[in-house]
Amino acid sequence: MDPTAGKDGSLRLAIVEKALTDTIERLGELPPGPRVRELRAKADGFQRALRSWATRPPSEEQRSALLRLVLDLNVEAMSLGRGDPGG
């Protein structure tokens, strides 16, 4: 088993967990505001989904979907941190 993989042995899940952790840390470094709160709420929802997978393992489609959503959120948080208007 890959030592970098998540609890279920999925490298994709490990990537989701790492990207989500990084995003939450990045959002915590930004000044409070409506957009930061909105992105943090998304991140919290994604964390709940990840936690639920401990009792109900996700399908491959669910893993793929959450990976895309978390990576998109990470990009949004980075853009917001740079002051990009679309972020």
Protein backbone atom coordinates (compact mmCIF):
# COMPACT_ATOMS: atom_id res chain seq x y z
CA MET A 1 0.00 0.00 0.00
CA ASP A 2 1.21 3.50 -0.84
CA PRO A 3 2.25 5.26 2.41
CA THR A 4 0.92 8.56 1.04
CA ALA A 5 -2.53 7.10 0.43
CA GLY A 6 -5.58 7.79 2.57
CA LYS A 7 -7.11 5.36 5.07
CA ASP A 8 -8.83 3.39 2.32
CA GLY A 9 -5.64 3.09 0.29
CA SER A 10 -6.75 5.68 -2.24
CA LEU A 11 -4.14 8.14 -3.44
CA ARG A 12 -6.99 10.29 -4.75
CA LEU A 13 -8.47 10.48 -1.25
CA ALA A 14 -5.08 11.46 0.17
CA ILE A 15 -4.85 14.25 -2.42
CA VAL A 16 -8.33 15.47 -1.46
CA GLU A 17 -7.43 15.49 2.24
CA LYS A 18 -4.16 17.38 1.64
CA ALA A 19 -5.70 19.92 -0.73
CA LEU A 20 -8.56 20.53 1.69
CA THR A 21 -6.17 21.02 4.61
CA ASP A 22 -4.08 23.45 2.55
CA THR A 23 -7.18 25.36 1.46
CA ILE A 24 -8.49 25.71 5.01
CA GLU A 25 -5.08 26.95 6.19
CA ARG A 26 -4.94 29.45 3.32
CA LEU A 27 -8.44 30.73 4.09
CA GLY A 28 -7.48 31.11 7.75
CA GLU A 29 -4.67 33.47 6.73
CA LEU A 30 -6.97 35.78 4.75
CA PRO A 31 -8.80 38.76 6.23
CA PRO A 32 -12.40 37.89 7.15
CA GLY A 33 -15.06 38.77 4.65
CA PRO A 34 -18.09 37.38 2.85
CA ARG A 35 -16.10 35.54 0.16
CA VAL A 36 -13.77 33.95 2.72
CA ARG A 37 -16.81 32.82 4.75
CA GLU A 38 -18.42 31.39 1.62
CA LEU A 39 -15.31 29.42 0.69
CA ARG A 40 -14.85 28.24 4.28
CA ALA A 41 -18.45 26.99 4.32
CA LYS A 42 -17.72 24.98 1.16
CA ALA A 43 -14.57 23.56 2.75
CA ASP A 44 -16.51 22.59 5.87
CA GLY A 45 -19.06 20.74 3.73
CA PHE A 46 -16.30 18.88 1.91
CA GLN A 47 -14.75 17.93 5.27
CA ARG A 48 -18.09 16.50 6.42
CA ALA A 49 -18.27 14.45 3.23
CA LEU A 50 -14.76 13.10 3.83
CA ARG A 51 -15.60 12.18 7.43
CA SER A 52 -18.74 10.34 6.32
CA TRP A 53 -16.60 8.18 4.05
CA ALA A 54 -15.10 6.53 7.14
CA THR A 55 -18.44 4.77 7.66
CA ARG A 56 -19.72 4.76 4.05
CA PRO A 57 -16.86 4.38 1.57
CA PRO A 58 -17.39 6.51 -1.55
CA SER A 59 -17.80 5.28 -5.09
CA GLU A 60 -15.08 6.08 -7.59
CA GLU A 61 -17.36 8.73 -9.07
CA GLN A 62 -17.83 10.38 -5.67
CA ARG A 63 -14.07 10.43 -5.08
CA SER A 64 -13.47 11.97 -8.50
CA ALA A 65 -16.19 14.58 -8.00
CA LEU A 66 -14.92 15.63 -4.58
CA LEU A 67 -11.36 15.82 -5.90
CA ARG A 68 -12.48 18.23 -8.63
CA LEU A 69 -14.51 20.32 -6.19
CA VAL A 70 -11.71 20.56 -3.64
CA LEU A 71 -9.10 21.44 -6.26
CA ASP A 72 -11.43 24.13 -7.67
CA LEU A 73 -11.91 25.48 -4.14
CA ASN A 74 -8.15 25.51 -3.64
CA VAL A 75 -7.71 27.56 -6.83
CA GLU A 76 -10.42 29.99 -5.68
CA ALA A 77 -8.72 30.42 -2.30
CA MET A 78 -5.35 31.04 -3.96
CA SER A 79 -6.90 33.61 -6.29
CA LEU A 80 -8.58 35.35 -3.39
CA GLY A 81 -5.27 35.44 -1.52
CA ARG A 82 -3.60 37.11 -4.51
CA GLY A 83 -6.39 39.66 -4.70
CA ASP A 84 -7.64 38.49 -8.09
CA PRO A 85 -11.08 40.00 -8.73
CA GLY A 86 -12.56 36.64 -9.75
CA GLY A 87 -11.24 34.98 -6.57
